[in-house]
Amino acid sequence: MNNMFTDGVKRVMQLAREESARLGHNYIGTEHLLLGIIKDG
């Protein structure tokens, strides 16, 4: 399934996962994805 995504999407997902963990959440929501997109710049 990982092959379905571009490198950019994979990077944003990783950043979203990190933001979720940093905030102590056990899910990745739209707020984490948005933060990932912003951080990816």
C-alpha atoms as a PDB file:
ATOM      1  CA  MET A   1       0.000   0.000   0.000  1.00  0.00           C
ATOM      2  CA  ASN A   2       2.930   2.340   0.625  1.00  0.00           C
ATOM      3  CA  ASN A   3       3.729   2.256  -3.092  1.00  0.00           C
ATOM      4  CA  MET A   4       0.447   4.045  -3.797  1.00  0.00           C
ATOM      5  CA  PHE A   5       1.710   7.337  -2.369  1.00  0.00           C
ATOM      6  CA  THR A   6       4.247   9.854  -3.635  1.00  0.00           C
ATOM      7  CA  ASP A   7       7.315  10.685  -1.584  1.00  0.00           C
ATOM      8  CA  GLY A   8       5.717  14.019  -0.670  1.00  0.00           C
ATOM      9  CA  VAL A   9       2.607  12.357   0.731  1.00  0.00           C
ATOM     10  CA  LYS A  10       4.732   9.879   2.675  1.00  0.00           C
ATOM     11  CA  ARG A  11       6.725  12.782   4.146  1.00  0.00           C
ATOM     12  CA  VAL A  12       3.552  14.660   5.165  1.00  0.00           C
ATOM     13  CA  MET A  13       2.123  11.498   6.726  1.00  0.00           C
ATOM     14  CA  GLN A  14       5.313  11.023   8.744  1.00  0.00           C
ATOM     15  CA  LEU A  15       5.183  14.632   9.926  1.00  0.00           C
ATOM     16  CA  ALA A  16       1.497  14.207  10.818  1.00  0.00           C
ATOM     17  CA  ARG A  17       2.341  11.056  12.780  1.00  0.00           C
ATOM     18  CA  GLU A  18       5.057  12.962  14.672  1.00  0.00           C
ATOM     19  CA  GLU A  19       2.690  15.849  15.447  1.00  0.00           C
ATOM     20  CA  SER A  20       0.051  13.440  16.696  1.00  0.00           C
ATOM     21  CA  ALA A  21       2.565  11.774  19.011  1.00  0.00           C
ATOM     22  CA  ARG A  22       3.917  15.132  20.184  1.00  0.00           C
ATOM     23  CA  LEU A  23       0.405  16.178  21.152  1.00  0.00           C
ATOM     24  CA  GLY A  24      -0.206  12.875  22.948  1.00  0.00           C
ATOM     25  CA  HIS A  25      -2.908  11.724  20.549  1.00  0.00           C
ATOM     26  CA  ASN A  26      -3.390   8.119  19.490  1.00  0.00           C
ATOM     27  CA  TYR A  27      -4.841   8.969  16.076  1.00  0.00           C
ATOM     28  CA  ILE A  28      -3.937  11.026  13.018  1.00  0.00           C
ATOM     29  CA  GLY A  29      -6.665  13.541  12.269  1.00  0.00           C
ATOM     30  CA  THR A  30      -7.090  16.338   9.780  1.00  0.00           C
ATOM     31  CA  GLU A  31      -5.455  18.725  12.238  1.00  0.00           C
ATOM     32  CA  HIS A  32      -2.296  16.608  12.247  1.00  0.00           C
ATOM     33  CA  LEU A  33      -2.321  16.341   8.461  1.00  0.00           C
ATOM     34  CA  LEU A  34      -2.636  20.116   8.171  1.00  0.00           C
ATOM     35  CA  LEU A  35       0.292  20.584  10.548  1.00  0.00           C
ATOM     36  CA  GLY A  36       2.271  18.079   8.475  1.00  0.00           C
ATOM     37  CA  ILE A  37       1.526  20.003   5.283  1.00  0.00           C
ATOM     38  CA  ILE A  38       2.524  23.280   6.919  1.00  0.00           C
ATOM     39  CA  LYS A  39       5.763  21.807   8.288  1.00  0.00           C
ATOM     40  CA  ASP A  40       6.587  20.305   4.895  1.00  0.00           C
ATOM     41  CA  GLY A  41       6.240  23.817   3.440  1.00  0.00           C
END
